[in-house]
C-alpha atoms as a PDB file:
ATOM      1  CA  MET A   1       0.000   0.000   0.000  1.00  0.00           C
ATOM      2  CA  ASN A   2       1.251   3.455  -0.885  1.00  0.00           C
ATOM      3  CA  ALA A   3       1.487   6.188   1.759  1.00  0.00           C
ATOM      4  CA  LEU A   4      -0.461   8.436  -0.603  1.00  0.00           C
ATOM      5  CA  ASP A   5      -3.513   6.234  -0.035  1.00  0.00           C
ATOM      6  CA  PHE A   6      -3.855   7.771   3.424  1.00  0.00           C
ATOM      7  CA  PRO A   7      -5.337  11.232   3.945  1.00  0.00           C
ATOM      8  CA  GLN A   8      -2.889  13.593   5.562  1.00  0.00           C
ATOM      9  CA  LYS A   9      -3.216  16.862   7.458  1.00  0.00           C
ATOM     10  CA  ASP A  10      -0.620  18.400   5.184  1.00  0.00           C
ATOM     11  CA  HIS A  11       1.704  16.935   2.595  1.00  0.00           C
ATOM     12  CA  ALA A  12       4.645  16.639   5.000  1.00  0.00           C
ATOM     13  CA  ALA A  13       2.832  15.125   7.993  1.00  0.00           C
ATOM     14  CA  LYS A  14       2.129  11.439   8.420  1.00  0.00           C
ATOM     15  CA  PRO A  15      -1.035  10.464  10.276  1.00  0.00           C
ATOM     16  CA  LEU A  16      -0.489  10.001  14.012  1.00  0.00           C
ATOM     17  CA  LEU A  17      -1.814   6.741  15.439  1.00  0.00           C
ATOM     18  CA  MET A  18      -2.112   5.999  19.140  1.00  0.00           C
ATOM     19  CA  LEU A  19      -1.609   2.353  20.063  1.00  0.00           C
ATOM     20  CA  VAL A  20      -2.916   1.333  23.483  1.00  0.00           C
ATOM     21  CA  ASP A  21      -1.957  -2.146  24.653  1.00  0.00           C
ATOM     22  CA  ASP A  22      -0.647  -3.384  27.992  1.00  0.00           C
ATOM     23  CA  GLN A  23       1.662  -5.797  26.131  1.00  0.00           C
ATOM     24  CA  PRO A  24       4.618  -3.884  24.585  1.00  0.00           C
ATOM     25  CA  ARG A  25       5.198  -6.799  22.197  1.00  0.00           C
ATOM     26  CA  ASN A  26       1.705  -6.315  20.716  1.00  0.00           C
ATOM     27  CA  ALA A  27       2.299  -2.589  20.194  1.00  0.00           C
ATOM     28  CA  ARG A  28       5.618  -3.312  18.446  1.00  0.00           C
ATOM     29  CA  LEU A  29       3.893  -5.871  16.219  1.00  0.00           C
ATOM     30  CA  LEU A  30       1.217  -3.321  15.243  1.00  0.00           C
ATOM     31  CA  GLN A  31       3.900  -0.741  14.468  1.00  0.00           C
ATOM     32  CA  ALA A  32       5.681  -3.261  12.259  1.00  0.00           C
ATOM     33  CA  GLN A  33       2.444  -4.217  10.491  1.00  0.00           C
ATOM     34  CA  LEU A  34       1.448  -0.604   9.834  1.00  0.00           C
ATOM     35  CA  GLY A  35       4.915   0.762   9.163  1.00  0.00           C
ATOM     36  CA  HIS A  36       6.856   3.809  10.315  1.00  0.00           C
ATOM     37  CA  GLU A  37       7.083   4.958   6.706  1.00  0.00           C
ATOM     38  CA  HIS A  38       3.318   5.560   6.704  1.00  0.00           C
ATOM     39  CA  PHE A  39       2.563   6.681  10.257  1.00  0.00           C
ATOM     40  CA  ASN A  40       3.888   8.311  13.375  1.00  0.00           C
ATOM     41  CA  PHE A  41       3.002   6.506  16.596  1.00  0.00           C
ATOM     42  CA  LEU A  42       2.137   7.317  20.187  1.00  0.00           C
ATOM     43  CA  VAL A  43       2.212   4.229  22.390  1.00  0.00           C
ATOM     44  CA  ALA A  44       0.500   3.796  25.748  1.00  0.00           C
ATOM     45  CA  GLN A  45       0.625   0.684  27.923  1.00  0.00           C
ATOM     46  CA  SER A  46      -2.541   1.431  29.881  1.00  0.00           C
ATOM     47  CA  GLY A  47      -5.808   3.256  29.558  1.00  0.00           C
ATOM     48  CA  GLU A  48      -4.689   5.813  32.109  1.00  0.00           C
ATOM     49  CA  GLU A  49      -1.484   6.504  30.172  1.00  0.00           C
ATOM     50  CA  ALA A  50      -3.471   6.876  26.939  1.00  0.00           C
ATOM     51  CA  LEU A  51      -5.773   9.469  28.502  1.00  0.00           C
ATOM     52  CA  ALA A  52      -2.754  11.385  29.837  1.00  0.00           C
ATOM     53  CA  LEU A  53      -1.169  11.396  26.361  1.00  0.00           C
ATOM     54  CA  LEU A  54      -4.433  12.675  24.867  1.00  0.00           C
ATOM     55  CA  ARG A  55      -4.167  15.766  27.066  1.00  0.00           C
ATOM     56  CA  GLU A  56      -0.856  16.560  25.327  1.00  0.00           C
ATOM     57  CA  GLN A  57      -1.425  15.459  21.739  1.00  0.00           C
ATOM     58  CA  LEU A  58      -4.404  14.403  19.644  1.00  0.00           C
ATOM     59  CA  PRO A  59      -3.854  11.472  17.284  1.00  0.00           C
ATOM     60  CA  ASP A  60      -5.722  10.924  14.044  1.00  0.00           C
ATOM     61  CA  LEU A  61      -6.806   7.430  15.101  1.00  0.00           C
ATOM     62  CA  ILE A  62      -6.622   5.201  18.184  1.00  0.00           C
ATOM     63  CA  ILE A  63      -6.077   1.436  18.165  1.00  0.00           C
ATOM     64  CA  LEU A  64      -7.165   0.190  21.570  1.00  0.00           C
ATOM     65  CA  ASP A  65      -6.862  -3.227  23.207  1.00  0.00           C
ATOM     66  CA  PHE A  66     -10.099  -4.385  24.831  1.00  0.00           C
ATOM     67  CA  MET A  67      -8.655  -6.376  27.740  1.00  0.00           C
ATOM     68  CA  MET A  68      -6.174  -4.444  29.878  1.00  0.00           C
ATOM     69  CA  PRO A  69      -5.625  -4.242  33.629  1.00  0.00           C
ATOM     70  CA  GLY A  70      -6.929  -1.098  35.276  1.00  0.00           C
ATOM     71  CA  MET A  71      -9.128   0.700  32.772  1.00  0.00           C
ATOM     72  CA  ASN A  72     -10.196  -1.710  30.058  1.00  0.00           C
ATOM     73  CA  GLY A  73     -10.652  -0.662  26.444  1.00  0.00           C
ATOM     74  CA  GLN A  74     -14.367  -0.056  26.797  1.00  0.00           C
ATOM     75  CA  GLN A  75     -13.827   2.307  29.735  1.00  0.00           C
ATOM     76  CA  VAL A  76     -11.117   4.208  27.846  1.00  0.00           C
ATOM     77  CA  ALA A  77     -13.325   4.466  24.750  1.00  0.00           C
ATOM     78  CA  THR A  78     -16.190   5.822  26.871  1.00  0.00           C
ATOM     79  CA  VAL A  79     -13.976   8.609  28.253  1.00  0.00           C
ATOM     80  CA  ILE A  80     -12.626   9.421  24.775  1.00  0.00           C
ATOM     81  CA  LYS A  81     -16.088   9.614  23.216  1.00  0.00           C
ATOM     82  CA  GLN A  82     -17.520  11.768  26.038  1.00  0.00           C
ATOM     83  CA  ASP A  83     -14.773  14.389  25.747  1.00  0.00           C
ATOM     84  CA  GLU A  84     -15.461  17.259  23.326  1.00  0.00           C
ATOM     85  CA  ARG A  85     -11.794  17.385  22.251  1.00  0.00           C
ATOM     86  CA  THR A  86     -11.463  13.674  21.459  1.00  0.00           C
ATOM     87  CA  ARG A  87     -14.914  12.405  20.512  1.00  0.00           C
ATOM     88  CA  THR A  88     -14.281  12.581  16.752  1.00  0.00           C
ATOM     89  CA  ILE A  89     -11.080  10.531  16.896  1.00  0.00           C
ATOM     90  CA  PRO A  90     -11.886   7.131  15.383  1.00  0.00           C
ATOM     91  CA  VAL A  91     -11.233   4.133  17.625  1.00  0.00           C
ATOM     92  CA  ILE A  92     -10.458   0.598  16.482  1.00  0.00           C
ATOM     93  CA  MET A  93     -10.878  -1.975  19.236  1.00  0.00           C
ATOM     94  CA  LEU A  94      -8.603  -5.014  19.197  1.00  0.00           C
ATOM     95  CA  THR A  95     -10.115  -8.022  20.878  1.00  0.00           C
ATOM     96  CA  ALA A  96      -9.577 -11.707  21.363  1.00  0.00           C
ATOM     97  CA  LEU A  97     -13.171 -11.897  22.616  1.00  0.00           C
ATOM     98  CA  SER A  98     -15.793 -13.122  20.214  1.00  0.00           C
ATOM     99  CA  ASP A  99     -18.914 -12.866  22.352  1.00  0.00           C
ATOM    100  CA  GLN A 100     -21.683 -10.525  21.250  1.00  0.00           C
ATOM    101  CA  ALA A 101     -22.054  -8.888  24.693  1.00  0.00           C
ATOM    102  CA  SER A 102     -18.452  -7.609  24.713  1.00  0.00           C
ATOM    103  CA  ARG A 103     -18.798  -6.222  21.200  1.00  0.00           C
ATOM    104  CA  MET A 104     -22.074  -4.505  22.070  1.00  0.00           C
ATOM    105  CA  GLN A 105     -20.512  -2.915  25.166  1.00  0.00           C
ATOM    106  CA  ALA A 106     -17.678  -1.499  23.079  1.00  0.00           C
ATOM    107  CA  LEU A 107     -20.034  -0.306  20.345  1.00  0.00           C
ATOM    108  CA  SER A 108     -22.185   1.428  22.942  1.00  0.00           C
ATOM    109  CA  ALA A 109     -19.031   3.187  24.173  1.00  0.00           C
ATOM    110  CA  GLY A 110     -18.587   4.630  20.663  1.00  0.00           C
ATOM    111  CA  VAL A 111     -15.953   2.393  19.085  1.00  0.00           C
ATOM    112  CA  GLU A 112     -16.094   2.622  15.284  1.00  0.00           C
ATOM    113  CA  GLU A 113     -14.446  -0.695  14.341  1.00  0.00           C
ATOM    114  CA  PHE A 114     -13.330  -4.074  15.677  1.00  0.00           C
ATOM    115  CA  VAL A 115     -10.352  -6.167  14.659  1.00  0.00           C
ATOM    116  CA  ASN A 116      -9.973  -9.660  16.074  1.00  0.00           C
ATOM    117  CA  LYS A 117      -6.726 -10.972  17.457  1.00  0.00           C
ATOM    118  CA  PRO A 118      -4.580 -12.329  16.005  1.00  0.00           C
ATOM    119  CA  VAL A 119      -4.630  -9.258  13.775  1.00  0.00           C
ATOM    120  CA  ASP A 120      -4.924  -9.776  10.037  1.00  0.00           C
ATOM    121  CA  GLN A 121      -2.643  -7.134   8.504  1.00  0.00           C
ATOM    122  CA  SER A 122      -4.722  -6.487   5.382  1.00  0.00           C
ATOM    123  CA  GLU A 123      -7.917  -6.103   7.434  1.00  0.00           C
ATOM    124  CA  LEU A 124      -6.179  -3.688   9.799  1.00  0.00           C
ATOM    125  CA  TRP A 125      -4.763  -1.640   6.883  1.00  0.00           C
ATOM    126  CA  THR A 126      -8.182  -1.407   5.285  1.00  0.00           C
ATOM    127  CA  ARG A 127      -9.958  -0.359   8.462  1.00  0.00           C
ATOM    128  CA  VAL A 128      -7.255   2.203   9.320  1.00  0.00           C
ATOM    129  CA  ARG A 129      -7.331   3.644   5.797  1.00  0.00           C
ATOM    130  CA  ASN A 130     -11.130   3.885   5.746  1.00  0.00           C
ATOM    131  CA  LEU A 131     -11.355   5.549   9.150  1.00  0.00           C
ATOM    132  CA  LEU A 132      -8.569   8.017   8.325  1.00  0.00           C
ATOM    133  CA  ARG A 133     -10.369   8.988   5.118  1.00  0.00           C
ATOM    134  CA  LEU A 134     -13.612   9.475   6.999  1.00  0.00           C
ATOM    135  CA  LYS A 135     -11.872  11.563   9.685  1.00  0.00           C
ATOM    136  CA  SER A 136     -10.213  13.668   6.997  1.00  0.00           C
ATOM    137  CA  PHE A 137     -13.606  14.444   5.454  1.00  0.00           C
ATOM    138  CA  GLN A 138     -15.100  15.224   8.881  1.00  0.00           C
ATOM    139  CA  ASP A 139     -12.194  17.554   9.679  1.00  0.00           C
ATOM    140  CA  GLU A 140     -12.600  19.322   6.320  1.00  0.00           C
ATOM    141  CA  LEU A 141     -16.313  19.776   6.932  1.00  0.00           C
ATOM    142  CA  ALA A 142     -15.697  21.144  10.448  1.00  0.00           C
ATOM    143  CA  ASP A 143     -13.120  23.615   9.078  1.00  0.00           C
ATOM    144  CA  HIS A 144     -15.527  24.679   6.355  1.00  0.00           C
ATOM    145  CA  ASN A 145     -18.322  25.178   8.909  1.00  0.00           C
ATOM    146  CA  ARG A 146     -16.015  27.308  11.098  1.00  0.00           C
ATOM    147  CA  ARG A 147     -15.099  29.497   8.098  1.00  0.00           C
ATOM    148  CA  LEU A 148     -18.757  29.879   7.149  1.00  0.00           C
ATOM    149  CA  ALA A 149     -19.707  30.799  10.720  1.00  0.00           C
ATOM    150  CA  GLY A 150     -16.953  33.424  10.689  1.00  0.00           C
ATOM    151  CA  LEU A 151     -18.233  34.886   7.419  1.00  0.00           C
ATOM    152  CA  VAL A 152     -21.825  34.970   8.710  1.00  0.00           C
ATOM    153  CA  ALA A 153     -20.698  36.704  11.918  1.00  0.00           C
ATOM    154  CA  GLU A 154     -18.682  39.254   9.923  1.00  0.00           C
ATOM    155  CA  ARG A 155     -21.547  40.013   7.542  1.00  0.00           C
ATOM    156  CA  THR A 156     -23.973  40.274  10.445  1.00  0.00           C
ATOM    157  CA  ARG A 157     -21.721  42.901  12.067  1.00  0.00           C
ATOM    158  CA  GLN A 158     -21.622  44.836   8.787  1.00  0.00           C
END
């Protein structure tokens, strides 16, 4: 897959992905599968660490493990989706669980996609690409709406 297949904030910047997994080996595997040539990465080993990183930097997409000690993936996703600053960041949940109840809990927390473990690289690439494209369009629309609101306010003052 070509890096140009991924929407980018500007031509020089690579999309920033946050990987949240309590197993460092899993995060390294995801980085290898997705590639440093295509993305920049933030890595957190717990839900609490991920939320702290989000206060400093907003990624374009979050890949979140479902089962972690402390805050599990569903709890982290709930916090992300309730926060005005982070609610539009797409979240892919990684899970070894196959039961419907777990998936429904995560979906109700606002997760956009699921990928089963072990991770199929082509499925992950496709889901990441699709969500980044969607986020790019949403960001463009939000920017356009802000510009329009500014123009309306200016014309109203005139």
